[in-house]
Amino acid sequence: MGGMVKIVEATKARSTFSELLNNVRYGSDRVLIGRHGKEVAALIPVEDLRLLEMLEDQIDIDAARKALRNPKNKVRIPLAEVKKRLGL
């Protein structure tokens, strides 16, 4: 992780997509894709994506724990009601 960051305009990214994928996959580069001077997307190694997903999960877990510690959140809803509300 921690490879070089490249900034590429969308039109060039389209024409060099295969090369960019190889740079991301084998060189661990990160590619920011821009359009009209604004960053709109990124190509990152799968390992970076997994790390982002783990961080998001941890943030969600921390928020849930905080909510559960709040005495105002002690309302319990039966599982059958939750399923009904979700259409399950």
PDB file of N, CA and C in Angstrom:
ATOM      1  N   MET A   1       0.833  -1.178   0.000  1.00  0.00           N
ATOM      2  CA  MET A   1       0.000   0.000   0.000  1.00  0.00           C
ATOM      3  C   MET A   1       0.878   1.242   0.000  1.00  0.00           C
ATOM      4  N   GLY A   2       0.239   2.368  -0.327  1.00  0.00           N
ATOM      5  CA  GLY A   2       0.978   3.609  -0.286  1.00  0.00           C
ATOM      6  C   GLY A   2       1.747   3.898  -1.553  1.00  0.00           C
ATOM      7  N   GLY A   3       1.285   3.379  -2.691  1.00  0.00           N
ATOM      8  CA  GLY A   3       1.950   3.646  -3.954  1.00  0.00           C
ATOM      9  C   GLY A   3       1.755   5.080  -4.402  1.00  0.00           C
ATOM     10  N   MET A   4       2.253   5.349  -5.577  1.00  0.00           N
ATOM     11  CA  MET A   4       2.181   6.682  -6.137  1.00  0.00           C
ATOM     12  C   MET A   4       0.749   7.037  -6.554  1.00  0.00           C
ATOM     13  N   VAL A   5       0.377   8.316  -6.423  1.00  0.00           N
ATOM     14  CA  VAL A   5      -0.928   8.787  -6.867  1.00  0.00           C
ATOM     15  C   VAL A   5      -0.746   9.494  -8.212  1.00  0.00           C
ATOM     16  N   LYS A   6      -1.522   9.044  -9.197  1.00  0.00           N
ATOM     17  CA  LYS A   6      -1.518   9.668 -10.514  1.00  0.00           C
ATOM     18  C   LYS A   6      -2.853  10.357 -10.707  1.00  0.00           C
ATOM     19  N   ILE A   7      -2.848  11.492 -11.368  1.00  0.00           N
ATOM     20  CA  ILE A   7      -4.086  12.179 -11.714  1.00  0.00           C
ATOM     21  C   ILE A   7      -4.211  12.131 -13.232  1.00  0.00           C
ATOM     22  N   VAL A   8      -5.353  11.606 -13.704  1.00  0.00           N
ATOM     23  CA  VAL A   8      -5.552  11.393 -15.137  1.00  0.00           C
ATOM     24  C   VAL A   8      -6.925  11.936 -15.520  1.00  0.00           C
ATOM     25  N   GLU A   9      -6.982  12.661 -16.608  1.00  0.00           N
ATOM     26  CA  GLU A   9      -8.274  13.124 -17.121  1.00  0.00           C
ATOM     27  C   GLU A   9      -9.066  11.918 -17.631  1.00  0.00           C
ATOM     28  N   ALA A  10     -10.372  12.007 -17.554  1.00  0.00           N
ATOM     29  CA  ALA A  10     -11.250  10.888 -17.905  1.00  0.00           C
ATOM     30  C   ALA A  10     -11.021  10.399 -19.329  1.00  0.00           C
ATOM     31  N   THR A  11     -10.821  11.306 -20.270  1.00  0.00           N
ATOM     32  CA  THR A  11     -10.625  10.876 -21.660  1.00  0.00           C
ATOM     33  C   THR A  11      -9.352  10.058 -21.801  1.00  0.00           C
ATOM     34  N   LYS A  12      -8.291  10.465 -21.109  1.00  0.00           N
ATOM     35  CA  LYS A  12      -7.051   9.696 -21.161  1.00  0.00           C
ATOM     36  C   LYS A  12      -7.220   8.373 -20.404  1.00  0.00           C
ATOM     37  N   ALA A  13      -7.952   8.403 -19.287  1.00  0.00           N
ATOM     38  CA  ALA A  13      -8.187   7.171 -18.530  1.00  0.00           C
ATOM     39  C   ALA A  13      -8.911   6.153 -19.396  1.00  0.00           C
ATOM     40  N   ARG A  14      -9.844   6.623 -20.183  1.00  0.00           N
ATOM     41  CA  ARG A  14     -10.604   5.717 -21.060  1.00  0.00           C
ATOM     42  C   ARG A  14      -9.669   5.060 -22.071  1.00  0.00           C
ATOM     43  N   SER A  15      -8.778   5.825 -22.632  1.00  0.00           N
ATOM     44  CA  SER A  15      -7.913   5.276 -23.688  1.00  0.00           C
ATOM     45  C   SER A  15      -6.746   4.457 -23.136  1.00  0.00           C
ATOM     46  N   THR A  16      -6.434   4.630 -21.852  1.00  0.00           N
ATOM     47  CA  THR A  16      -5.314   3.887 -21.253  1.00  0.00           C
ATOM     48  C   THR A  16      -5.770   3.034 -20.068  1.00  0.00           C
ATOM     49  N   PHE A  17      -7.043   2.655 -20.070  1.00  0.00           N
ATOM     50  CA  PHE A  17      -7.619   1.953 -18.929  1.00  0.00           C
ATOM     51  C   PHE A  17      -6.849   0.687 -18.557  1.00  0.00           C
ATOM     52  N   SER A  18      -6.507  -0.125 -19.534  1.00  0.00           N
ATOM     53  CA  SER A  18      -5.798  -1.375 -19.264  1.00  0.00           C
ATOM     54  C   SER A  18      -4.445  -1.105 -18.598  1.00  0.00           C
ATOM     55  N   GLU A  19      -3.741  -0.124 -19.091  1.00  0.00           N
ATOM     56  CA  GLU A  19      -2.443   0.248 -18.509  1.00  0.00           C
ATOM     57  C   GLU A  19      -2.627   0.749 -17.070  1.00  0.00           C
ATOM     58  N   LEU A  20      -3.653   1.571 -16.850  1.00  0.00           N
ATOM     59  CA  LEU A  20      -3.909   2.084 -15.505  1.00  0.00           C
ATOM     60  C   LEU A  20      -4.236   0.947 -14.539  1.00  0.00           C
ATOM     61  N   LEU A  21      -5.053  -0.007 -15.002  1.00  0.00           N
ATOM     62  CA  LEU A  21      -5.369  -1.160 -14.149  1.00  0.00           C
ATOM     63  C   LEU A  21      -4.120  -1.937 -13.773  1.00  0.00           C
ATOM     64  N   ASN A  22      -3.244  -2.139 -14.743  1.00  0.00           N
ATOM     65  CA  ASN A  22      -1.990  -2.844 -14.454  1.00  0.00           C
ATOM     66  C   ASN A  22      -1.143  -2.080 -13.450  1.00  0.00           C
ATOM     67  N   ASN A  23      -1.085  -0.747 -13.588  1.00  0.00           N
ATOM     68  CA  ASN A  23      -0.310   0.064 -12.645  1.00  0.00           C
ATOM     69  C   ASN A  23      -0.896  -0.045 -11.235  1.00  0.00           C
ATOM     70  N   VAL A  24      -2.217  -0.081 -11.142  1.00  0.00           N
ATOM     71  CA  VAL A  24      -2.870  -0.197  -9.842  1.00  0.00           C
ATOM     72  C   VAL A  24      -2.649  -1.595  -9.277  1.00  0.00           C
ATOM     73  N   ARG A  25      -2.835  -2.598 -10.103  1.00  0.00           N
ATOM     74  CA  ARG A  25      -2.733  -3.990  -9.642  1.00  0.00           C
ATOM     75  C   ARG A  25      -1.309  -4.390  -9.288  1.00  0.00           C
ATOM     76  N   TYR A  26      -0.391  -4.110 -10.156  1.00  0.00           N
ATOM     77  CA  TYR A  26       0.977  -4.606  -9.970  1.00  0.00           C
ATOM     78  C   TYR A  26       1.916  -3.575  -9.366  1.00  0.00           C
ATOM     79  N   GLY A  27       1.612  -2.301  -9.525  1.00  0.00           N
ATOM     80  CA  GLY A  27       2.486  -1.266  -8.984  1.00  0.00           C
ATOM     81  C   GLY A  27       1.946  -0.616  -7.736  1.00  0.00           C
ATOM     82  N   SER A  28       0.745  -1.017  -7.328  1.00  0.00           N
ATOM     83  CA  SER A  28       0.074  -0.450  -6.153  1.00  0.00           C
ATOM     84  C   SER A  28      -0.133   1.052  -6.264  1.00  0.00           C
ATOM     85  N   ASP A  29      -0.205   1.559  -7.500  1.00  0.00           N
ATOM     86  CA  ASP A  29      -0.493   2.969  -7.694  1.00  0.00           C
ATOM     87  C   ASP A  29      -1.956   3.237  -7.375  1.00  0.00           C
ATOM     88  N   ARG A  30      -2.258   4.474  -7.127  1.00  0.00           N
ATOM     89  CA  ARG A  30      -3.631   4.950  -6.990  1.00  0.00           C
ATOM     90  C   ARG A  30      -3.832   5.982  -8.089  1.00  0.00           C
ATOM     91  N   VAL A  31      -4.986   5.923  -8.735  1.00  0.00           N
ATOM     92  CA  VAL A  31      -5.245   6.812  -9.865  1.00  0.00           C
ATOM     93  C   VAL A  31      -6.491   7.630  -9.570  1.00  0.00           C
ATOM     94  N   LEU A  32      -6.336   8.942  -9.591  1.00  0.00           N
ATOM     95  CA  LEU A  32      -7.480   9.837  -9.487  1.00  0.00           C
ATOM     96  C   LEU A  32      -7.902  10.206 -10.890  1.00  0.00           C
ATOM     97  N   ILE A  33      -9.177  10.041 -11.182  1.00  0.00           N
ATOM     98  CA  ILE A  33      -9.690  10.356 -12.507  1.00  0.00           C
ATOM     99  C   ILE A  33     -10.448  11.675 -12.408  1.00  0.00           C
ATOM    100  N   GLY A  34     -10.073  12.592 -13.276  1.00  0.00           N
ATOM    101  CA  GLY A  34     -10.677  13.916 -13.244  1.00  0.00           C
ATOM    102  C   GLY A  34     -11.486  14.202 -14.493  1.00  0.00           C
ATOM    103  N   ARG A  35     -12.388  15.129 -14.317  1.00  0.00           N
ATOM    104  CA  ARG A  35     -13.185  15.610 -15.441  1.00  0.00           C
ATOM    105  C   ARG A  35     -13.328  17.113 -15.247  1.00  0.00           C
ATOM    106  N   HIS A  36     -12.894  17.861 -16.246  1.00  0.00           N
ATOM    107  CA  HIS A  36     -12.949  19.329 -16.200  1.00  0.00           C
ATOM    108  C   HIS A  36     -12.238  19.875 -14.963  1.00  0.00           C
ATOM    109  N   GLY A  37     -11.110  19.251 -14.625  1.00  0.00           N
ATOM    110  CA  GLY A  37     -10.292  19.726 -13.517  1.00  0.00           C
ATOM    111  C   GLY A  37     -10.755  19.310 -12.134  1.00  0.00           C
ATOM    112  N   LYS A  38     -11.824  18.528 -12.040  1.00  0.00           N
ATOM    113  CA  LYS A  38     -12.317  18.062 -10.746  1.00  0.00           C
ATOM    114  C   LYS A  38     -12.143  16.556 -10.631  1.00  0.00           C
ATOM    115  N   GLU A  39     -11.697  16.092  -9.462  1.00  0.00           N
ATOM    116  CA  GLU A  39     -11.559  14.657  -9.218  1.00  0.00           C
ATOM    117  C   GLU A  39     -12.943  14.049  -9.065  1.00  0.00           C
ATOM    118  N   VAL A  40     -13.221  12.988  -9.845  1.00  0.00           N
ATOM    119  CA  VAL A  40     -14.556  12.390  -9.828  1.00  0.00           C
ATOM    120  C   VAL A  40     -14.562  10.908  -9.440  1.00  0.00           C
ATOM    121  N   ALA A  41     -13.436  10.245  -9.536  1.00  0.00           N
ATOM    122  CA  ALA A  41     -13.378   8.818  -9.224  1.00  0.00           C
ATOM    123  C   ALA A  41     -11.922   8.430  -8.949  1.00  0.00           C
ATOM    124  N   ALA A  42     -11.765   7.204  -8.468  1.00  0.00           N
ATOM    125  CA  ALA A  42     -10.419   6.714  -8.188  1.00  0.00           C
ATOM    126  C   ALA A  42     -10.321   5.239  -8.516  1.00  0.00           C
ATOM    127  N   LEU A  43      -9.160   4.837  -8.968  1.00  0.00           N
ATOM    128  CA  LEU A  43      -8.809   3.425  -9.106  1.00  0.00           C
ATOM    129  C   LEU A  43      -7.795   3.157  -8.007  1.00  0.00           C
ATOM    130  N   ILE A  44      -8.097   2.166  -7.172  1.00  0.00           N
ATOM    131  CA  ILE A  44      -7.197   1.844  -6.063  1.00  0.00           C
ATOM    132  C   ILE A  44      -7.008   0.333  -6.004  1.00  0.00           C
ATOM    133  N   PRO A  45      -5.898  -0.116  -5.420  1.00  0.00           N
ATOM    134  CA  PRO A  45      -5.709  -1.562  -5.261  1.00  0.00           C
ATOM    135  C   PRO A  45      -6.810  -2.155  -4.381  1.00  0.00           C
ATOM    136  N   VAL A  46      -7.128  -3.406  -4.624  1.00  0.00           N
ATOM    137  CA  VAL A  46      -8.160  -4.101  -3.862  1.00  0.00           C
ATOM    138  C   VAL A  46      -7.831  -4.071  -2.366  1.00  0.00           C
ATOM    139  N   GLU A  47      -6.557  -4.174  -2.022  1.00  0.00           N
ATOM    140  CA  GLU A  47      -6.158  -4.145  -0.618  1.00  0.00           C
ATOM    141  C   GLU A  47      -6.576  -2.826   0.034  1.00  0.00           C
ATOM    142  N   ASP A  48      -6.459  -1.717  -0.697  1.00  0.00           N
ATOM    143  CA  ASP A  48      -6.882  -0.420  -0.176  1.00  0.00           C
ATOM    144  C   ASP A  48      -8.394  -0.394   0.033  1.00  0.00           C
ATOM    145  N   LEU A  49      -9.135  -0.968  -0.900  1.00  0.00           N
ATOM    146  CA  LEU A  49     -10.590  -1.031  -0.764  1.00  0.00           C
ATOM    147  C   LEU A  49     -10.971  -1.829   0.472  1.00  0.00           C
ATOM    148  N   ARG A  50     -10.324  -2.967   0.687  1.00  0.00           N
ATOM    149  CA  ARG A  50     -10.621  -3.796   1.862  1.00  0.00           C
ATOM    150  C   ARG A  50     -10.353  -3.020   3.149  1.00  0.00           C
ATOM    151  N   LEU A  51      -9.264  -2.258   3.165  1.00  0.00           N
ATOM    152  CA  LEU A  51      -8.939  -1.445   4.339  1.00  0.00           C
ATOM    153  C   LEU A  51     -10.015  -0.380   4.560  1.00  0.00           C
ATOM    154  N   LEU A  52     -10.461   0.270   3.501  1.00  0.00           N
ATOM    155  CA  LEU A  52     -11.537   1.257   3.624  1.00  0.00           C
ATOM    156  C   LEU A  52     -12.810   0.624   4.161  1.00  0.00           C
ATOM    157  N   GLU A  53     -13.126  -0.571   3.675  1.00  0.00           N
ATOM    158  CA  GLU A  53     -14.321  -1.274   4.153  1.00  0.00           C
ATOM    159  C   GLU A  53     -14.203  -1.614   5.636  1.00  0.00           C
ATOM    160  N   MET A  54     -13.014  -2.038   6.066  1.00  0.00           N
ATOM    161  CA  MET A  54     -12.799  -2.344   7.475  1.00  0.00           C
ATOM    162  C   MET A  54     -12.957  -1.091   8.332  1.00  0.00           C
ATOM    163  N   LEU A  55     -12.429   0.028   7.855  1.00  0.00           N
ATOM    164  CA  LEU A  55     -12.560   1.288   8.590  1.00  0.00           C
ATOM    165  C   LEU A  55     -14.022   1.715   8.692  1.00  0.00           C
ATOM    166  N   GLU A  56     -14.762   1.586   7.593  1.00  0.00           N
ATOM    167  CA  GLU A  56     -16.188   1.923   7.613  1.00  0.00           C
ATOM    168  C   GLU A  56     -16.939   1.033   8.591  1.00  0.00           C
ATOM    169  N   ASP A  57     -16.624  -0.272   8.587  1.00  0.00           N
ATOM    170  CA  ASP A  57     -17.262  -1.193   9.526  1.00  0.00           C
ATOM    171  C   ASP A  57     -16.970  -0.781  10.967  1.00  0.00           C
ATOM    172  N   GLN A  58     -15.725  -0.406  11.240  1.00  0.00           N
ATOM    173  CA  GLN A  58     -15.353  -0.006  12.599  1.00  0.00           C
ATOM    174  C   GLN A  58     -16.084   1.265  13.011  1.00  0.00           C
ATOM    175  N   ILE A  59     -16.221   2.203  12.099  1.00  0.00           N
ATOM    176  CA  ILE A  59     -16.966   3.433  12.390  1.00  0.00           C
ATOM    177  C   ILE A  59     -18.419   3.102  12.711  1.00  0.00           C
ATOM    178  N   ASP A  60     -19.014   2.189  11.925  1.00  0.00           N
ATOM    179  CA  ASP A  60     -20.400   1.773  12.174  1.00  0.00           C
ATOM    180  C   ASP A  60     -20.535   1.091  13.540  1.00  0.00           C
ATOM    181  N   ILE A  61     -19.586   0.234  13.875  1.00  0.00           N
ATOM    182  CA  ILE A  61     -19.614  -0.466  15.160  1.00  0.00           C
ATOM    183  C   ILE A  61     -19.496   0.532  16.309  1.00  0.00           C
ATOM    184  N   ASP A  62     -18.585   1.484  16.171  1.00  0.00           N
ATOM    185  CA  ASP A  62     -18.420   2.502  17.215  1.00  0.00           C
ATOM    186  C   ASP A  62     -19.695   3.325  17.392  1.00  0.00           C
ATOM    187  N   ALA A  63     -20.330   3.686  16.281  1.00  0.00           N
ATOM    188  CA  ALA A  63     -21.575   4.462  16.355  1.00  0.00           C
ATOM    189  C   ALA A  63     -22.685   3.641  17.006  1.00  0.00           C
ATOM    190  N   ALA A  64     -22.762   2.359  16.692  1.00  0.00           N
ATOM    191  CA  ALA A  64     -23.780   1.499  17.289  1.00  0.00           C
ATOM    192  C   ALA A  64     -23.548   1.357  18.790  1.00  0.00           C
ATOM    193  N   ARG A  65     -22.312   1.181  19.191  1.00  0.00           N
ATOM    194  CA  ARG A  65     -22.006   1.066  20.627  1.00  0.00           C
ATOM    195  C   ARG A  65     -22.376   2.349  21.365  1.00  0.00           C
ATOM    196  N   LYS A  66     -22.058   3.479  20.755  1.00  0.00           N
ATOM    197  CA  LYS A  66     -22.400   4.764  21.360  1.00  0.00           C
ATOM    198  C   LYS A  66     -23.914   4.902  21.493  1.00  0.00           C
ATOM    199  N   ALA A  67     -24.647   4.514  20.462  1.00  0.00           N
ATOM    200  CA  ALA A  67     -26.109   4.595  20.504  1.00  0.00           C
ATOM    201  C   ALA A  67     -26.674   3.677  21.572  1.00  0.00           C
ATOM    202  N   LEU A  68     -26.095   2.505  21.731  1.00  0.00           N
ATOM    203  CA  LEU A  68     -26.587   1.561  22.737  1.00  0.00           C
ATOM    204  C   LEU A  68     -26.322   2.036  24.159  1.00  0.00           C
ATOM    205  N   ARG A  69     -25.275   2.830  24.338  1.00  0.00           N
ATOM    206  CA  ARG A  69     -24.969   3.358  25.681  1.00  0.00           C
ATOM    207  C   ARG A  69     -25.927   4.484  26.077  1.00  0.00           C
ATOM    208  N   ASN A  70     -26.596   5.087  25.094  1.00  0.00           N
ATOM    209  CA  ASN A  70     -27.504   6.193  25.348  1.00  0.00           C
ATOM    210  C   ASN A  70     -28.811   5.657  25.934  1.00  0.00           C
ATOM    211  N   PRO A  71     -29.163   6.066  27.173  1.00  0.00           N
ATOM    212  CA  PRO A  71     -30.380   5.535  27.800  1.00  0.00           C
ATOM    213  C   PRO A  71     -31.655   5.854  27.019  1.00  0.00           C
ATOM    214  N   LYS A  72     -31.640   6.871  26.200  1.00  0.00           N
ATOM    215  CA  LYS A  72     -32.819   7.211  25.404  1.00  0.00           C
ATOM    216  C   LYS A  72     -33.069   6.186  24.298  1.00  0.00           C
ATOM    217  N   ASN A  73     -32.079   5.362  24.003  1.00  0.00           N
ATOM    218  CA  ASN A  73     -32.191   4.372  22.930  1.00  0.00           C
ATOM    219  C   ASN A  73     -32.531   2.984  23.455  1.00  0.00           C
ATOM    220  N   LYS A  74     -33.148   2.888  24.596  1.00  0.00           N
ATOM    221  CA  LYS A  74     -33.440   1.587  25.195  1.00  0.00           C
ATOM    222  C   LYS A  74     -34.774   1.003  24.732  1.00  0.00           C
ATOM    223  N   VAL A  75     -35.416   1.630  23.772  1.00  0.00           N
ATOM    224  CA  VAL A  75     -36.662   1.102  23.240  1.00  0.00           C
ATOM    225  C   VAL A  75     -36.338  -0.162  22.453  1.00  0.00           C
ATOM    226  N   ARG A  76     -37.008  -1.241  22.787  1.00  0.00           N
ATOM    227  CA  ARG A  76     -36.784  -2.518  22.108  1.00  0.00           C
ATOM    228  C   ARG A  76     -37.938  -2.782  21.156  1.00  0.00           C
ATOM    229  N   ILE A  77     -37.608  -3.214  19.959  1.00  0.00           N
ATOM    230  CA  ILE A  77     -38.618  -3.561  18.954  1.00  0.00           C
ATOM    231  C   ILE A  77     -38.492  -5.052  18.689  1.00  0.00           C
ATOM    232  N   PRO A  78     -39.588  -5.790  18.813  1.00  0.00           N
ATOM    233  CA  PRO A  78     -39.528  -7.233  18.572  1.00  0.00           C
ATOM    234  C   PRO A  78     -39.065  -7.539  17.139  1.00  0.00           C
ATOM    235  N   LEU A  79     -38.347  -8.641  16.993  1.00  0.00           N
ATOM    236  CA  LEU A  79     -37.826  -9.041  15.692  1.00  0.00           C
ATOM    237  C   LEU A  79     -38.939  -9.143  14.657  1.00  0.00           C
ATOM    238  N   ALA A  80     -40.069  -9.677  15.024  1.00  0.00           N
ATOM    239  CA  ALA A  80     -41.188  -9.812  14.074  1.00  0.00           C
ATOM    240  C   ALA A  80     -41.604  -8.443  13.535  1.00  0.00           C
ATOM    241  N   GLU A  81     -41.591  -7.434  14.407  1.00  0.00           N
ATOM    242  CA  GLU A  81     -41.958  -6.076  13.971  1.00  0.00           C
ATOM    243  C   GLU A  81     -40.910  -5.503  13.023  1.00  0.00           C
ATOM    244  N   VAL A  82     -39.652  -5.733  13.329  1.00  0.00           N
ATOM    245  CA  VAL A  82     -38.562  -5.266  12.448  1.00  0.00           C
ATOM    246  C   VAL A  82     -38.710  -5.897  11.073  1.00  0.00           C
ATOM    247  N   LYS A  83     -38.926  -7.216  11.035  1.00  0.00           N
ATOM    248  CA  LYS A  83     -39.087  -7.905   9.767  1.00  0.00           C
ATOM    249  C   LYS A  83     -40.282  -7.361   8.993  1.00  0.00           C
ATOM    250  N   LYS A  84     -41.367  -7.100   9.710  1.00  0.00           N
ATOM    251  CA  LYS A  84     -42.571  -6.568   9.068  1.00  0.00           C
ATOM    252  C   LYS A  84     -42.279  -5.205   8.447  1.00  0.00           C
ATOM    253  N   ARG A  85     -41.617  -4.347   9.205  1.00  0.00           N
ATOM    254  CA  ARG A  85     -41.275  -3.010   8.698  1.00  0.00           C
ATOM    255  C   ARG A  85     -40.360  -3.062   7.486  1.00  0.00           C
ATOM    256  N   LEU A  86     -39.471  -4.041   7.470  1.00  0.00           N
ATOM    257  CA  LEU A  86     -38.522  -4.188   6.356  1.00  0.00           C
ATOM    258  C   LEU A  86     -39.085  -5.016   5.204  1.00  0.00           C
ATOM    259  N   GLY A  87     -40.274  -5.544   5.389  1.00  0.00           N
ATOM    260  CA  GLY A  87     -40.894  -6.344   4.335  1.00  0.00           C
ATOM    261  C   GLY A  87     -40.244  -7.701   4.160  1.00  0.00           C
ATOM    262  N   LEU A  88     -39.726  -8.251   5.228  1.00  0.00           N
ATOM    263  CA  LEU A  88     -39.050  -9.563   5.164  1.00  0.00           C
ATOM    264  C   LEU A  88     -39.967 -10.684   5.568  1.00  0.00           C
TER     265      LEU A  88
END
